Amino acid sequence: MYLRRIPATRPAFTLVELMVAMALIIFIMYVLAEAFSAGAGAVSHLKAVGDMNERLRGAANLLRRILQADHFDGRRRLSDRNFWIVDGVESPPPEGFFRILQINTANAYPGVWNEGTDLDLNPSVRATGDALHFTARLRGNKRDSFFQASAGVLTQNFPGSRFQEGSNYTSPMAEVAFYLQPVNPVENTVDGGTIRLHTLYMRQRLLVSSNDDVPAAAKGGNSADFLEVSHTGTPGNLYFNNAADVTIPQRRFAAGNANPYTWPTFATENPAQAGNDVVLTDVISFEVRVLLHPDCYGGNPRTFVRLDDAVFAAMTNTTFGTARVFDTWSSRSDGTFDYSGWKPTGTPTATTIPMYTAANGERIRIVAIQVTIRIWDNKTKQARQTSVVVDL
């Protein structure tokens, strides 16, 4: 009898084999998911770094352009040996001003916090009470080379009409202010520390050639119509400033207030323009340092310093309280404000120039200025900073 052998067959995987295969697939998927997540995180990190660098680059370029402009009459520079000499007599410059403020208030961090160095070994600090306020004169022969502001009434029958276009008033010179204000009073806790975020503002107020040339319709207007034009006075009786007028602190933006935490912004003055004065958001630190001429150190070169450095003499003007202020001041008298009796020291206090000399008695001459800005990215929890160095 012939018997046919039926070969053995395996119709399916065993349970053990199936579980092993599934485990391998899950492991491979986990590895791929982790790789994808790491790649996505790296891309997000790099994008955040790129975005912050781009924001810092834009702010740095703006700062550099304005700081490189002329700030006083003619080509007078803060580093000039005869900066404090006018027509052979010791005096502040007759046109323009340059002011650096470093405040210590309840809202600002006290002075500056040194936080060691970053991964690139650059010093990391946190300064929120520093501000810059100065005049700048741009050079060019086209409207788009100058400062521009919306001030329709001012452009009517104005002698400088070749610079005007429609309701836009254009001027080669303006007073410019850079300052921080906190986003809110609440500090964010990050890795056991606190970070208070600020907004960096830039306000520009264009200067005129002379108040006498301003149309009567503009002088009879309201201050709210000329937020971007330098002026003082009351509604119906406005006075428009030129480069000589703003040497007087009371005629400048914020009326000589030495606390930038209380300076106005478009959001507080005209909500319709809110945001037009914002340079950067999520700012951790805005620090200003200066490099003085070697004569101020007795011939020994030094590095960039803050205004509280021992190289500076004590403040001679007590009206600023605990703030450290460098200001080129004024010797002008205009019938309303009289600074003709200005003095480096002594009385009258109201006209005593702040921080006029170095500790060794030399007149302060600033060779260069360094502005360091640090910003924060809340999503990736990282910060980036940049420094702008400009010869003065």
Protein backbone atom coordinates (compact mmCIF):
# COMPACT_ATOMS: atom_id res chain seq x y z
CA MET A 1 0.00 0.00 0.00
CA TYR A 2 1.39 3.34 -1.01
CA LEU A 3 1.13 6.18 1.50
CA ARG A 4 1.59 9.76 0.33
CA ARG A 5 3.48 11.97 2.83
CA ILE A 6 1.99 15.39 3.24
CA PRO A 7 4.77 17.93 3.86
CA ALA A 8 4.51 19.98 7.07
CA THR A 9 3.41 23.60 6.54
CA ARG A 10 3.49 26.79 8.63
CA PRO A 11 0.34 28.73 7.89
CA ALA A 12 1.38 31.80 10.05
CA PHE A 13 3.88 33.41 12.47
CA THR A 14 3.93 32.16 15.96
CA LEU A 15 2.79 34.51 18.69
CA VAL A 16 6.34 34.94 19.93
CA GLU A 17 7.61 35.88 16.48
CA LEU A 18 4.77 38.35 16.00
CA MET A 19 5.51 40.05 19.32
CA VAL A 20 9.20 40.29 18.53
CA ALA A 21 8.43 41.82 15.13
CA MET A 22 6.05 44.32 16.67
CA ALA A 23 8.63 45.25 19.30
CA LEU A 24 11.24 45.87 16.62
CA ILE A 25 8.82 48.01 14.60
CA ILE A 26 7.89 50.06 17.67
CA PHE A 27 11.54 50.53 18.54
CA ILE A 28 12.35 51.68 15.02
CA MET A 29 9.37 54.07 15.05
CA TYR A 30 10.52 55.44 18.42
CA VAL A 31 14.02 56.03 17.08
CA LEU A 32 12.63 57.75 13.98
CA ALA A 33 10.24 59.86 16.09
CA GLU A 34 13.06 60.94 18.39
CA ALA A 35 15.24 61.79 15.41
CA PHE A 36 12.40 63.77 13.84
CA SER A 37 11.69 65.54 17.15
CA ALA A 38 15.38 66.38 17.60
CA GLY A 39 15.56 67.63 14.03
CA ALA A 40 12.41 69.72 14.47
CA GLY A 41 13.81 71.11 17.74
CA ALA A 42 17.10 71.98 16.05
CA VAL A 43 15.27 73.69 13.21
CA SER A 44 13.10 75.61 15.69
CA HIS A 45 16.20 76.60 17.66
CA LEU A 46 18.06 77.75 14.57
CA LYS A 47 15.01 79.64 13.30
CA ALA A 48 14.65 81.41 16.65
CA VAL A 49 18.35 82.32 16.61
CA GLY A 50 18.04 83.55 13.03
CA ASP A 51 14.94 85.61 13.85
CA MET A 52 16.59 87.17 16.90
CA ASN A 53 19.76 87.94 14.96
CA GLU A 54 17.68 89.56 12.23
CA ARG A 55 15.79 91.69 14.75
CA LEU A 56 19.03 92.71 16.46
CA ARG A 57 20.66 93.48 13.11
CA GLY A 58 17.83 95.84 12.18
CA ALA A 59 18.03 97.67 15.52
CA ALA A 60 21.84 97.83 15.34
CA ASN A 61 21.78 99.29 11.84
CA LEU A 62 19.27 101.93 12.92
CA LEU A 63 21.32 102.86 15.99
CA ARG A 64 24.56 102.96 14.01
CA ARG A 65 23.10 105.22 11.30
CA ILE A 66 21.72 107.73 13.79
CA LEU A 67 24.79 107.71 16.05
CA GLN A 68 27.12 108.22 13.09
CA ALA A 69 25.30 111.42 12.13
CA ASP A 70 26.52 114.88 13.13
CA HIS A 71 25.16 115.97 16.51
CA PHE A 72 26.25 119.59 16.84
CA ASP A 73 26.96 122.71 14.82
CA GLY A 74 29.12 122.09 11.77
CA ARG A 75 31.43 119.10 12.22
CA ARG A 76 31.93 119.49 15.99
CA ARG A 77 32.55 116.11 17.63
CA LEU A 78 32.49 114.96 21.24
CA SER A 79 36.06 113.70 20.87
CA ASP A 80 37.45 117.06 19.65
CA ARG A 81 40.13 118.62 21.85
CA ASN A 82 38.30 121.96 21.64
CA PHE A 83 34.79 120.56 21.97
CA TRP A 84 34.07 122.75 25.02
CA ILE A 85 35.48 125.91 23.37
CA VAL A 86 33.19 128.23 21.38
CA ASP A 87 34.72 131.35 19.78
CA GLY A 88 37.71 131.06 22.07
CA VAL A 89 35.58 130.88 25.24
CA GLU A 90 34.78 127.80 27.33
CA SER A 91 31.15 126.99 26.66
CA PRO A 92 28.74 124.19 25.70
CA PRO A 93 28.06 123.80 21.95
CA PRO A 94 25.68 126.47 20.58
CA GLU A 95 23.62 123.93 18.61
CA GLY A 96 22.58 120.37 19.34
CA PHE A 97 23.08 118.21 22.40
CA PHE A 98 24.07 114.70 23.45
CA ARG A 99 22.69 113.14 26.62
CA ILE A 100 23.28 109.74 28.25
CA LEU A 101 21.13 108.72 31.21
CA GLN A 102 21.59 105.84 33.61
CA ILE A 103 18.85 105.77 36.21
CA ASN A 104 18.11 103.76 39.32
CA THR A 105 14.38 103.67 40.08
CA ALA A 106 11.99 101.26 41.74
CA ASN A 107 11.14 99.84 38.32
CA ALA A 108 14.62 99.60 36.84
CA TYR A 109 17.27 97.20 37.98
CA PRO A 110 19.81 98.97 40.22
CA GLY A 111 22.60 100.07 37.93
CA VAL A 112 23.64 97.02 35.99
CA TRP A 113 23.70 93.33 36.87
CA ASN A 114 26.82 91.48 35.79
CA GLU A 115 25.84 87.95 34.80
CA GLY A 116 29.23 86.48 33.88
CA THR A 117 29.93 85.50 30.27
CA ASP A 118 27.95 83.74 27.59
CA LEU A 119 29.01 80.67 25.59
CA ASP A 120 31.12 82.92 23.33
CA LEU A 121 32.86 84.37 26.42
CA ASN A 122 31.23 87.76 25.85
CA PRO A 123 30.33 89.60 29.07
CA SER A 124 26.63 89.38 29.81
CA VAL A 125 24.90 92.15 31.75
CA ARG A 126 21.39 93.29 32.48
CA ALA A 127 20.82 97.06 32.30
CA THR A 128 17.33 98.53 31.99
CA GLY A 129 17.75 102.11 33.18
CA ASP A 130 19.98 103.41 30.35
CA ALA A 131 18.80 105.83 27.68
CA LEU A 132 20.21 107.90 24.84
CA HIS A 133 18.86 111.30 23.83
CA PHE A 134 20.61 113.50 21.27
CA THR A 135 20.30 115.55 18.12
CA ALA A 136 21.26 114.08 14.76
CA ARG A 137 21.84 115.81 11.44
CA LEU A 138 21.51 113.59 8.37
CA ARG A 139 23.24 114.55 5.14
CA GLY A 140 21.88 114.13 1.63
CA ASN A 141 20.05 115.89 -1.18
CA LYS A 142 16.83 113.88 -1.36
CA ARG A 143 13.77 113.74 0.85
CA ASP A 144 14.23 110.07 1.67
CA SER A 145 17.68 110.86 3.10
CA PHE A 146 16.18 112.88 5.96
CA PHE A 147 13.84 112.54 8.91
CA GLN A 148 10.15 112.60 8.01
CA ALA A 149 7.00 113.27 10.02
CA SER A 150 3.31 113.62 9.38
CA ALA A 151 2.52 117.29 10.06
CA GLY A 152 0.31 118.64 7.32
CA VAL A 153 -0.26 122.17 8.66
CA LEU A 154 3.48 122.67 9.13
CA THR A 155 4.21 122.09 5.44
CA GLN A 156 2.00 124.95 4.23
CA ASN A 157 4.01 127.92 2.92
CA PHE A 158 7.11 126.74 4.77
CA PRO A 159 10.40 128.17 3.42
CA GLY A 160 11.92 124.68 3.23
CA SER A 161 9.10 123.49 0.96
CA ARG A 162 11.54 121.78 -1.41
CA PHE A 163 11.81 119.11 1.27
CA GLN A 164 8.05 118.67 1.63
CA GLU A 165 5.71 116.21 -0.03
CA GLY A 166 2.00 116.34 0.66
CA SER A 167 1.39 116.28 4.40
CA ASN A 168 4.88 114.95 5.21
CA TYR A 169 7.29 117.38 6.80
CA THR A 170 10.96 116.55 6.22
CA SER A 171 14.00 117.87 8.07
CA PRO A 172 17.70 116.97 8.01
CA MET A 173 17.88 117.38 11.81
CA ALA A 174 15.91 115.94 14.70
CA GLU A 175 16.19 115.12 18.36
CA VAL A 176 16.16 111.35 18.86
CA ALA A 177 15.59 109.31 22.01
CA PHE A 178 16.19 105.58 22.61
CA TYR A 179 14.78 104.23 25.88
CA LEU A 180 13.27 101.14 27.52
CA GLN A 181 9.96 100.67 29.28
CA PRO A 182 8.79 97.42 30.93
CA VAL A 183 6.15 95.36 29.19
CA ASN A 184 4.46 94.81 32.56
CA PRO A 185 5.52 94.85 36.22
CA VAL A 186 5.47 91.04 36.47
CA GLU A 187 8.77 89.22 36.21
CA ASN A 188 8.88 85.83 34.48
CA THR A 189 10.59 83.02 36.35
CA VAL A 190 13.00 81.10 34.14
CA ASP A 191 15.18 78.29 35.49
CA GLY A 192 15.04 79.72 38.98
CA GLY A 193 15.82 83.27 37.87
CA THR A 194 13.72 86.25 36.85
CA ILE A 195 13.57 88.06 33.54
CA ARG A 196 11.70 91.32 33.14
CA LEU A 197 10.97 92.02 29.50
CA HIS A 198 11.01 95.53 28.06
CA THR A 199 10.22 97.33 24.84
CA LEU A 200 12.86 99.51 23.19
CA TYR A 201 11.39 102.74 21.84
CA MET A 202 12.79 105.35 19.49
CA ARG A 203 11.15 108.74 19.39
CA GLN A 204 12.20 111.31 16.81
CA ARG A 205 11.08 114.93 16.84
CA LEU A 206 12.07 116.92 13.77
CA LEU A 207 13.65 120.34 14.17
CA VAL A 208 12.80 123.43 12.14
CA SER A 209 15.15 126.09 10.79
CA SER A 210 13.49 128.80 12.88
CA ASN A 211 10.24 129.27 14.76
CA ASP A 212 9.84 132.56 12.89
CA ASP A 213 9.48 130.62 9.63
CA VAL A 214 6.70 128.33 10.89
CA PRO A 215 3.23 129.10 9.46
CA ALA A 216 0.84 130.80 11.87
CA ALA A 217 -1.67 127.97 11.39
CA ALA A 218 0.84 125.52 12.88
CA LYS A 219 1.68 127.77 15.85
CA GLY A 220 -2.02 128.06 16.59
CA GLY A 221 -2.56 124.32 16.53
CA ASN A 222 -2.58 121.59 19.16
CA SER A 223 0.43 119.71 20.50
CA ALA A 224 -1.17 116.37 19.58
CA ASP A 225 -0.91 117.32 15.89
CA PHE A 226 2.89 117.60 16.09
CA LEU A 227 4.04 114.62 18.14
CA GLU A 228 6.92 114.07 15.71
CA VAL A 229 8.03 117.71 15.57
CA SER A 230 10.03 119.31 18.39
CA HIS A 231 7.97 121.98 20.10
CA THR A 232 6.87 123.44 23.43
CA GLY A 233 4.02 125.65 24.53
CA THR A 234 0.28 125.40 24.99
CA PRO A 235 -2.51 124.79 22.43
CA GLY A 236 -2.88 127.86 20.25
CA ASN A 237 0.55 129.13 21.24
CA LEU A 238 3.13 126.56 20.14
CA TYR A 239 6.83 127.24 19.76
CA PHE A 240 8.79 125.08 17.30
CA ASN A 241 12.41 124.35 18.18
CA ASN A 242 15.56 124.56 16.11
CA ALA A 243 18.98 123.05 16.83
CA ALA A 244 19.91 125.90 19.19
CA ASP A 245 16.64 125.79 21.14
CA VAL A 246 17.01 122.13 22.16
CA THR A 247 20.30 122.76 23.94
CA ILE A 248 17.93 123.86 26.71
CA PRO A 249 16.65 120.74 28.55
CA GLN A 250 13.12 122.10 29.05
CA ARG A 251 12.63 122.41 25.28
CA ARG A 252 13.49 118.79 24.51
CA PHE A 253 11.37 115.66 24.27
CA ALA A 254 10.02 114.67 27.70
CA ALA A 255 10.75 118.24 28.92
CA GLY A 256 14.03 117.43 30.62
CA ASN A 257 12.62 114.46 32.58
CA ALA A 258 15.61 112.29 33.54
CA ASN A 259 13.52 109.15 34.08
CA PRO A 260 12.86 107.39 30.73
CA TYR A 261 10.51 104.94 32.48
CA THR A 262 8.00 107.81 32.50
CA TRP A 263 8.70 109.17 29.02
CA PRO A 264 5.68 109.20 26.72
CA THR A 265 5.13 106.74 23.88
CA PHE A 266 2.71 106.90 20.97
CA ALA A 267 0.54 104.40 22.84
CA THR A 268 0.05 106.96 25.62
CA GLU A 269 0.01 110.10 23.46
CA ASN A 270 -1.90 108.94 20.37
CA PRO A 271 -3.13 105.30 20.32
CA ALA A 272 -3.73 105.59 16.57
CA GLN A 273 0.07 105.69 16.14
CA ALA A 274 0.80 103.02 18.79
CA GLY A 275 3.70 100.81 17.75
CA ASN A 276 5.23 103.27 15.30
CA ASP A 277 7.90 104.12 17.86
CA VAL A 278 8.79 100.49 18.74
CA VAL A 279 12.27 99.30 17.76
CA LEU A 280 12.44 95.97 19.60
CA THR A 281 10.24 93.91 21.89
CA ASP A 282 11.25 91.29 24.49
CA VAL A 283 14.36 93.24 25.44
CA ILE A 284 16.26 92.07 28.51
CA SER A 285 18.99 94.71 28.53
CA PHE A 286 19.94 97.98 26.84
CA GLU A 287 23.33 99.12 28.10
CA VAL A 288 25.37 102.20 27.19
CA ARG A 289 29.12 102.54 27.80
CA VAL A 290 31.57 105.21 26.69
CA LEU A 291 35.25 105.31 25.82
CA LEU A 292 36.90 108.51 27.02
CA HIS A 293 39.97 110.21 25.61
CA PRO A 294 43.21 108.98 27.25
CA ASP A 295 43.71 112.47 28.74
CA CYS A 296 40.76 111.77 31.03
CA TYR A 297 42.68 108.82 32.49
CA GLY A 298 45.93 110.69 32.84
CA GLY A 299 47.27 109.26 29.58
CA ASN A 300 46.52 105.62 30.43
CA PRO A 301 44.09 104.14 27.89
CA ARG A 302 41.10 102.29 29.33
CA THR A 303 38.14 100.34 28.01
CA PHE A 304 34.45 101.26 27.73
CA VAL A 305 32.95 102.30 31.07
CA ARG A 306 29.60 103.24 32.56
CA LEU A 307 28.86 106.67 34.00
CA ASP A 308 29.37 105.43 37.55
CA ASP A 309 33.02 104.59 36.87
CA ALA A 310 35.61 106.27 39.10
CA VAL A 311 37.05 108.09 36.08
CA PHE A 312 34.15 110.56 36.26
CA ALA A 313 34.01 113.37 38.79
CA ALA A 314 31.01 113.54 41.10
CA MET A 315 27.77 114.88 39.65
CA THR A 316 27.61 118.66 40.07
CA ASN A 317 23.87 118.92 39.32
CA THR A 318 21.72 117.48 42.10
CA THR A 319 18.40 117.88 40.25
CA PHE A 320 18.78 114.38 38.77
CA GLY A 321 18.83 112.62 42.13
CA THR A 322 20.61 109.25 41.98
CA ALA A 323 20.69 109.19 38.18
CA ARG A 324 24.02 109.47 36.37
CA VAL A 325 23.68 111.92 33.50
CA PHE A 326 26.09 113.16 30.86
CA ASP A 327 24.65 116.14 29.03
CA THR A 328 26.36 118.70 26.81
CA TRP A 329 23.97 121.27 28.32
CA SER A 330 23.38 124.86 27.23
CA SER A 331 24.63 128.43 27.59
CA ARG A 332 21.60 129.87 25.79
CA SER A 333 19.04 132.41 26.96
CA ASP A 334 15.84 132.69 24.93
CA GLY A 335 13.64 134.94 27.03
CA THR A 336 11.86 132.01 28.66
CA PHE A 337 14.77 129.93 29.90
CA ASP A 338 18.10 131.41 30.87
CA TYR A 339 21.23 129.24 30.85
CA SER A 340 23.64 132.07 30.15
CA GLY A 341 24.97 131.71 33.70
CA TRP A 342 25.96 128.06 33.25
CA LYS A 343 28.94 126.97 35.30
CA PRO A 344 30.97 123.76 35.52
CA THR A 345 30.71 123.94 39.33
CA GLY A 346 29.03 126.07 41.94
CA THR A 347 25.85 128.09 41.62
CA PRO A 348 23.29 128.58 40.26
CA THR A 349 22.31 124.89 40.62
CA ALA A 350 19.65 125.10 37.92
CA THR A 351 22.27 125.81 35.27
CA THR A 352 25.15 123.71 36.61
CA ILE A 353 26.26 121.30 33.94
CA PRO A 354 26.20 117.60 34.97
CA MET A 355 29.31 115.43 34.64
CA TYR A 356 31.44 118.08 33.03
CA THR A 357 34.88 116.85 34.08
CA ALA A 358 36.79 113.63 34.64
CA ALA A 359 38.10 112.83 38.11
CA ASN A 360 41.53 114.25 37.16
CA GLY A 361 40.02 117.60 36.19
CA GLU A 362 40.12 117.11 32.41
CA ARG A 363 37.01 118.06 30.45
CA ILE A 364 35.06 114.97 29.42
CA ARG A 365 35.69 114.00 25.79
CA ILE A 366 33.94 110.88 24.52
CA VAL A 367 35.89 109.07 21.80
CA ALA A 368 33.36 106.29 21.15
CA ILE A 369 30.11 104.87 22.45
CA GLN A 370 29.11 101.23 22.85
CA VAL A 371 25.48 100.13 22.99
CA THR A 372 24.73 96.50 23.86
CA ILE A 373 21.24 95.07 23.37
CA ARG A 374 20.06 91.67 24.59
CA ILE A 375 16.70 90.15 23.70
CA TRP A 376 14.80 87.04 24.80
CA ASP A 377 12.89 84.32 22.95
CA ASN A 378 10.26 82.92 25.29
CA LYS A 379 9.49 79.84 23.15
CA THR A 380 13.03 78.47 23.02
CA LYS A 381 14.12 80.07 26.33
CA GLN A 382 17.27 81.61 24.91
CA ALA A 383 18.78 85.08 24.57
CA ARG A 384 20.97 86.80 22.00
CA GLN A 385 22.84 90.06 22.16
CA THR A 386 24.68 92.44 19.88
CA SER A 387 26.89 95.47 20.43
CA VAL A 388 27.13 98.64 18.35
CA VAL A 389 30.35 100.67 18.61
CA VAL A 390 30.43 104.12 16.99
CA ASP A 391 33.18 106.74 17.03
CA LEU A 392 32.04 110.12 18.29
